[in-house]
């Protein structure tokens, strides 16, 4: 797999989903994950799996690059205990989600 570089958008407000979706469309993002797309809780491992699967598909298509956008609200959908364990608190999770996923996937290379 190629080196991993993820972008995390920090949009907020009532129209966050539309803004984040617009950013994804205008940047031709390969994968855009918005917290409103998930019902109930989402695990960190599930997010990592989604990103890794996207990377593997792009690699198989012969285009080993792409843009992945992660909405900071994904952290709010995670179990509070998992957030505490991974980041220490929600605010740190908002800042570090994309970085941590990128680091974990880079280690797997």
N, C-alpha and C. Protein backbone atom coordinates (compact mmCIF):
# COMPACT_ATOMS: atom_id res chain seq x y z
N UNK A 1 0.82 -1.19 0.00
CA UNK A 1 0.00 0.00 0.00
C UNK A 1 0.87 1.25 0.00
N UNK A 2 0.29 2.32 -0.45
CA UNK A 2 0.97 3.60 -0.51
C UNK A 2 1.03 4.24 0.87
N UNK A 3 1.88 5.24 1.03
CA UNK A 3 1.90 5.99 2.29
C UNK A 3 0.53 6.59 2.57
N UNK A 4 0.22 6.75 3.81
CA UNK A 4 -1.11 7.20 4.23
C UNK A 4 -1.09 8.67 4.60
N UNK A 5 -2.00 9.43 4.03
CA UNK A 5 -2.18 10.82 4.39
C UNK A 5 -3.67 11.10 4.44
N UNK A 6 -4.19 11.39 5.61
CA UNK A 6 -5.62 11.64 5.77
C UNK A 6 -5.86 13.08 6.15
N UNK A 7 -7.00 13.60 5.76
CA UNK A 7 -7.39 14.95 6.11
C UNK A 7 -8.62 14.89 6.98
N UNK A 8 -8.64 15.69 7.98
CA UNK A 8 -9.78 15.75 8.89
C UNK A 8 -10.37 17.14 8.83
N UNK A 9 -11.65 17.23 8.48
CA UNK A 9 -12.26 18.55 8.41
C UNK A 9 -12.88 18.88 9.75
N UNK A 10 -12.79 20.12 10.11
CA UNK A 10 -13.35 20.58 11.37
C UNK A 10 -14.43 21.60 11.05
N UNK A 11 -15.52 21.09 10.51
CA UNK A 11 -16.67 21.94 10.21
C UNK A 11 -17.63 21.85 11.38
N UNK A 12 -18.40 22.87 11.58
CA UNK A 12 -19.35 22.84 12.68
C UNK A 12 -20.60 23.60 12.29
N UNK A 13 -21.63 23.41 13.07
CA UNK A 13 -22.86 24.13 12.84
C UNK A 13 -23.97 23.25 12.30
N UNK A 14 -25.08 23.87 12.08
CA UNK A 14 -26.30 23.18 11.69
C UNK A 14 -26.16 22.46 10.34
N UNK A 15 -25.40 23.01 9.43
CA UNK A 15 -25.29 22.45 8.09
C UNK A 15 -23.98 21.70 7.89
N UNK A 16 -23.45 21.15 8.95
CA UNK A 16 -22.16 20.47 8.92
C UNK A 16 -22.12 19.36 7.86
N UNK A 17 -23.17 18.57 7.78
CA UNK A 17 -23.18 17.46 6.84
C UNK A 17 -23.06 17.97 5.40
N UNK A 18 -23.81 19.01 5.09
CA UNK A 18 -23.76 19.55 3.73
C UNK A 18 -22.42 20.20 3.44
N UNK A 19 -21.88 20.91 4.40
CA UNK A 19 -20.57 21.55 4.21
C UNK A 19 -19.50 20.49 4.00
N UNK A 20 -19.49 19.49 4.85
CA UNK A 20 -18.48 18.43 4.74
C UNK A 20 -18.65 17.68 3.43
N UNK A 21 -19.89 17.38 3.06
CA UNK A 21 -20.15 16.70 1.78
C UNK A 21 -19.69 17.54 0.61
N UNK A 22 -19.91 18.86 0.69
CA UNK A 22 -19.45 19.75 -0.37
C UNK A 22 -17.95 19.79 -0.49
N UNK A 23 -17.27 19.76 0.65
CA UNK A 23 -15.80 19.72 0.65
C UNK A 23 -15.34 18.44 -0.04
N UNK A 24 -16.00 17.33 0.31
CA UNK A 24 -15.64 16.05 -0.29
C UNK A 24 -15.85 16.03 -1.80
N UNK A 25 -16.98 16.55 -2.24
CA UNK A 25 -17.27 16.58 -3.67
C UNK A 25 -16.31 17.50 -4.43
N UNK A 26 -16.08 18.69 -3.88
CA UNK A 26 -15.24 19.64 -4.59
C UNK A 26 -13.78 19.20 -4.62
N UNK A 27 -13.36 18.40 -3.67
CA UNK A 27 -11.98 17.90 -3.66
C UNK A 27 -11.86 16.54 -4.33
N UNK A 28 -12.98 16.03 -4.85
CA UNK A 28 -13.01 14.71 -5.48
C UNK A 28 -12.48 13.65 -4.51
N UNK A 29 -12.91 13.74 -3.27
CA UNK A 29 -12.45 12.80 -2.24
C UNK A 29 -12.85 11.37 -2.59
N UNK A 30 -11.95 10.47 -2.34
CA UNK A 30 -12.21 9.05 -2.55
C UNK A 30 -13.22 8.54 -1.53
N UNK A 31 -13.11 9.01 -0.30
CA UNK A 31 -14.00 8.61 0.78
C UNK A 31 -14.27 9.81 1.68
N UNK A 32 -15.52 10.06 1.96
CA UNK A 32 -15.92 11.12 2.89
C UNK A 32 -16.78 10.49 3.96
N UNK A 33 -16.34 10.55 5.20
CA UNK A 33 -17.09 9.99 6.31
C UNK A 33 -17.65 11.11 7.18
N UNK A 34 -18.96 11.13 7.31
CA UNK A 34 -19.67 12.14 8.09
C UNK A 34 -20.41 11.42 9.20
N UNK A 35 -20.38 11.96 10.39
CA UNK A 35 -20.97 11.27 11.54
C UNK A 35 -22.47 11.03 11.40
N UNK A 36 -23.17 11.86 10.66
CA UNK A 36 -24.62 11.65 10.49
C UNK A 36 -24.94 10.41 9.66
N UNK A 37 -23.95 9.88 8.97
CA UNK A 37 -24.17 8.69 8.15
C UNK A 37 -24.25 7.41 8.98
N UNK A 38 -23.87 7.49 10.24
CA UNK A 38 -23.84 6.32 11.10
C UNK A 38 -24.98 6.38 12.11
N UNK A 39 -25.71 5.29 12.22
CA UNK A 39 -26.74 5.19 13.26
C UNK A 39 -26.10 4.53 14.48
N UNK A 40 -26.31 5.08 15.63
CA UNK A 40 -25.73 4.51 16.84
C UNK A 40 -24.24 4.78 16.92
N UNK A 41 -23.56 3.98 17.71
CA UNK A 41 -22.13 4.15 17.96
C UNK A 41 -21.30 3.62 16.79
N UNK A 42 -20.13 4.17 16.63
CA UNK A 42 -19.17 3.68 15.64
C UNK A 42 -17.86 3.45 16.38
N UNK A 43 -17.17 2.37 16.04
CA UNK A 43 -15.91 2.07 16.71
C UNK A 43 -14.73 2.61 15.90
N UNK A 44 -13.66 2.84 16.59
CA UNK A 44 -12.43 3.27 15.95
C UNK A 44 -11.98 2.24 14.92
N UNK A 45 -12.05 0.97 15.28
CA UNK A 45 -11.64 -0.10 14.37
C UNK A 45 -12.47 -0.10 13.10
N UNK A 46 -13.76 0.19 13.21
CA UNK A 46 -14.62 0.25 12.03
C UNK A 46 -14.17 1.38 11.11
N UNK A 47 -13.82 2.53 11.67
CA UNK A 47 -13.33 3.64 10.86
C UNK A 47 -12.02 3.28 10.16
N UNK A 48 -11.12 2.63 10.90
CA UNK A 48 -9.85 2.19 10.31
C UNK A 48 -10.12 1.20 9.18
N UNK A 49 -11.03 0.26 9.39
CA UNK A 49 -11.37 -0.72 8.36
C UNK A 49 -11.92 -0.06 7.10
N UNK A 50 -12.78 0.95 7.27
CA UNK A 50 -13.34 1.66 6.12
C UNK A 50 -12.25 2.35 5.31
N UNK A 51 -11.33 3.00 5.99
CA UNK A 51 -10.24 3.69 5.30
C UNK A 51 -9.31 2.69 4.63
N UNK A 52 -8.97 1.62 5.35
CA UNK A 52 -8.06 0.62 4.79
C UNK A 52 -8.69 -0.07 3.57
N UNK A 53 -9.96 -0.39 3.64
CA UNK A 53 -10.65 -1.02 2.51
C UNK A 53 -10.64 -0.10 1.30
N UNK A 54 -10.86 1.19 1.53
CA UNK A 54 -10.82 2.17 0.45
C UNK A 54 -9.44 2.20 -0.19
N UNK A 55 -8.41 2.19 0.65
CA UNK A 55 -7.04 2.19 0.14
C UNK A 55 -6.75 0.94 -0.70
N UNK A 56 -7.20 -0.21 -0.23
CA UNK A 56 -6.97 -1.46 -0.96
C UNK A 56 -7.69 -1.45 -2.31
N UNK A 57 -8.91 -0.92 -2.33
CA UNK A 57 -9.66 -0.82 -3.60
C UNK A 57 -8.94 0.09 -4.59
N UNK A 58 -8.45 1.24 -4.09
CA UNK A 58 -7.73 2.15 -4.97
C UNK A 58 -6.45 1.51 -5.51
N UNK A 59 -5.76 0.78 -4.66
CA UNK A 59 -4.54 0.09 -5.06
C UNK A 59 -4.86 -0.94 -6.15
N UNK A 60 -5.93 -1.69 -5.97
CA UNK A 60 -6.34 -2.71 -6.94
C UNK A 60 -6.75 -2.09 -8.27
N UNK A 61 -7.25 -0.87 -8.23
CA UNK A 61 -7.65 -0.16 -9.45
C UNK A 61 -6.47 0.47 -10.17
N UNK A 62 -5.30 0.38 -9.57
CA UNK A 62 -4.11 0.95 -10.18
C UNK A 62 -3.92 2.44 -9.90
N UNK A 63 -4.69 2.96 -8.99
CA UNK A 63 -4.54 4.37 -8.59
C UNK A 63 -4.28 4.41 -7.08
N UNK A 64 -3.02 4.22 -6.69
CA UNK A 64 -2.67 4.12 -5.27
C UNK A 64 -2.61 5.46 -4.54
N UNK A 65 -3.59 6.29 -4.77
CA UNK A 65 -3.66 7.58 -4.10
C UNK A 65 -5.12 7.99 -4.00
N UNK A 66 -5.39 8.95 -3.18
CA UNK A 66 -6.75 9.43 -3.03
C UNK A 66 -6.86 10.34 -1.82
N UNK A 67 -8.04 10.88 -1.63
CA UNK A 67 -8.31 11.79 -0.52
C UNK A 67 -9.39 11.17 0.36
N UNK A 68 -9.13 11.11 1.65
CA UNK A 68 -10.11 10.63 2.62
C UNK A 68 -10.39 11.78 3.58
N UNK A 69 -11.67 12.13 3.71
CA UNK A 69 -12.07 13.19 4.64
C UNK A 69 -12.83 12.56 5.80
N UNK A 70 -12.41 12.90 7.00
CA UNK A 70 -13.06 12.41 8.21
C UNK A 70 -13.63 13.60 8.96
N UNK A 71 -14.90 13.54 9.26
CA UNK A 71 -15.56 14.61 10.00
C UNK A 71 -15.25 14.46 11.47
N UNK A 72 -14.93 15.57 12.14
CA UNK A 72 -14.58 15.50 13.56
C UNK A 72 -15.72 14.95 14.41
N UNK A 73 -16.94 15.06 13.94
CA UNK A 73 -18.10 14.54 14.67
C UNK A 73 -18.09 13.03 14.81
N UNK A 74 -17.24 12.34 14.05
CA UNK A 74 -17.14 10.88 14.18
C UNK A 74 -16.72 10.50 15.60
N UNK A 75 -15.90 11.32 16.22
CA UNK A 75 -15.46 11.06 17.59
C UNK A 75 -16.65 11.07 18.55
N UNK A 76 -17.62 11.95 18.29
CA UNK A 76 -18.81 12.03 19.14
C UNK A 76 -19.67 10.78 19.03
N UNK A 77 -19.53 10.03 17.93
CA UNK A 77 -20.29 8.79 17.73
C UNK A 77 -19.60 7.58 18.37
N UNK A 78 -18.39 7.77 18.83
CA UNK A 78 -17.64 6.67 19.43
C UNK A 78 -18.03 6.49 20.90
N UNK A 79 -17.81 5.29 21.42
CA UNK A 79 -18.06 5.02 22.83
C UNK A 79 -17.15 5.90 23.69
N UNK A 80 -17.69 6.56 24.70
CA UNK A 80 -16.86 7.45 25.54
C UNK A 80 -15.64 6.77 26.15
N UNK A 81 -15.76 5.50 26.50
CA UNK A 81 -14.61 4.78 27.07
C UNK A 81 -13.52 4.60 26.02
N UNK A 82 -13.92 4.33 24.79
CA UNK A 82 -12.94 4.18 23.70
C UNK A 82 -12.25 5.51 23.42
N UNK A 83 -13.02 6.59 23.43
CA UNK A 83 -12.45 7.93 23.23
C UNK A 83 -11.43 8.24 24.31
N UNK A 84 -11.79 7.94 25.56
CA UNK A 84 -10.89 8.18 26.69
C UNK A 84 -9.60 7.39 26.53
N UNK A 85 -9.73 6.13 26.14
CA UNK A 85 -8.56 5.26 25.99
C UNK A 85 -7.65 5.72 24.84
N UNK A 86 -8.25 6.11 23.71
CA UNK A 86 -7.46 6.49 22.54
C UNK A 86 -6.89 7.90 22.59
N UNK A 87 -7.71 8.84 23.08
CA UNK A 87 -7.35 10.25 22.96
C UNK A 87 -7.22 10.99 24.29
N UNK A 88 -7.82 10.47 25.33
CA UNK A 88 -7.83 11.17 26.61
C UNK A 88 -9.13 11.92 26.84
N UNK A 89 -9.60 12.64 25.81
CA UNK A 89 -10.88 13.32 25.90
C UNK A 89 -11.41 13.61 24.49
N UNK A 90 -12.64 14.05 24.41
CA UNK A 90 -13.30 14.28 23.12
C UNK A 90 -12.58 15.35 22.31
N UNK A 91 -12.18 16.43 22.96
CA UNK A 91 -11.52 17.51 22.22
C UNK A 91 -10.23 17.04 21.56
N UNK A 92 -9.45 16.24 22.28
CA UNK A 92 -8.23 15.68 21.69
C UNK A 92 -8.57 14.73 20.56
N UNK A 93 -9.68 14.00 20.70
CA UNK A 93 -10.13 13.11 19.63
C UNK A 93 -10.50 13.87 18.38
N UNK A 94 -11.16 15.01 18.55
CA UNK A 94 -11.50 15.86 17.40
C UNK A 94 -10.23 16.28 16.66
N UNK A 95 -9.18 16.55 17.41
CA UNK A 95 -7.92 17.01 16.82
C UNK A 95 -7.11 15.87 16.21
N UNK A 96 -7.18 14.68 16.80
CA UNK A 96 -6.22 13.62 16.45
C UNK A 96 -6.78 12.40 15.72
N UNK A 97 -8.06 12.36 15.43
CA UNK A 97 -8.64 11.16 14.81
C UNK A 97 -7.92 10.78 13.52
N UNK A 98 -7.83 11.70 12.58
CA UNK A 98 -7.20 11.40 11.29
C UNK A 98 -5.73 11.03 11.46
N UNK A 99 -5.05 11.73 12.36
CA UNK A 99 -3.63 11.45 12.60
C UNK A 99 -3.43 10.04 13.14
N UNK A 100 -4.26 9.64 14.08
CA UNK A 100 -4.13 8.31 14.68
C UNK A 100 -4.43 7.21 13.66
N UNK A 101 -5.48 7.39 12.87
CA UNK A 101 -5.79 6.41 11.84
C UNK A 101 -4.64 6.32 10.84
N UNK A 102 -4.12 7.46 10.43
CA UNK A 102 -2.99 7.48 9.50
C UNK A 102 -1.78 6.77 10.07
N UNK A 103 -1.48 7.03 11.34
CA UNK A 103 -0.33 6.37 11.97
C UNK A 103 -0.54 4.87 12.06
N UNK A 104 -1.73 4.44 12.44
CA UNK A 104 -2.02 3.00 12.55
C UNK A 104 -1.91 2.30 11.20
N UNK A 105 -2.41 2.93 10.15
CA UNK A 105 -2.33 2.31 8.84
C UNK A 105 -0.90 2.33 8.30
N UNK A 106 -0.14 3.35 8.61
CA UNK A 106 1.27 3.40 8.19
C UNK A 106 2.08 2.29 8.84
N UNK A 107 1.77 1.97 10.10
CA UNK A 107 2.46 0.89 10.80
C UNK A 107 2.15 -0.46 10.14
N UNK A 108 0.94 -0.58 9.58
CA UNK A 108 0.53 -1.83 8.96
C UNK A 108 1.20 -2.06 7.60
N UNK A 109 1.78 -1.01 7.04
CA UNK A 109 2.41 -1.15 5.73
C UNK A 109 3.62 -1.98 5.84
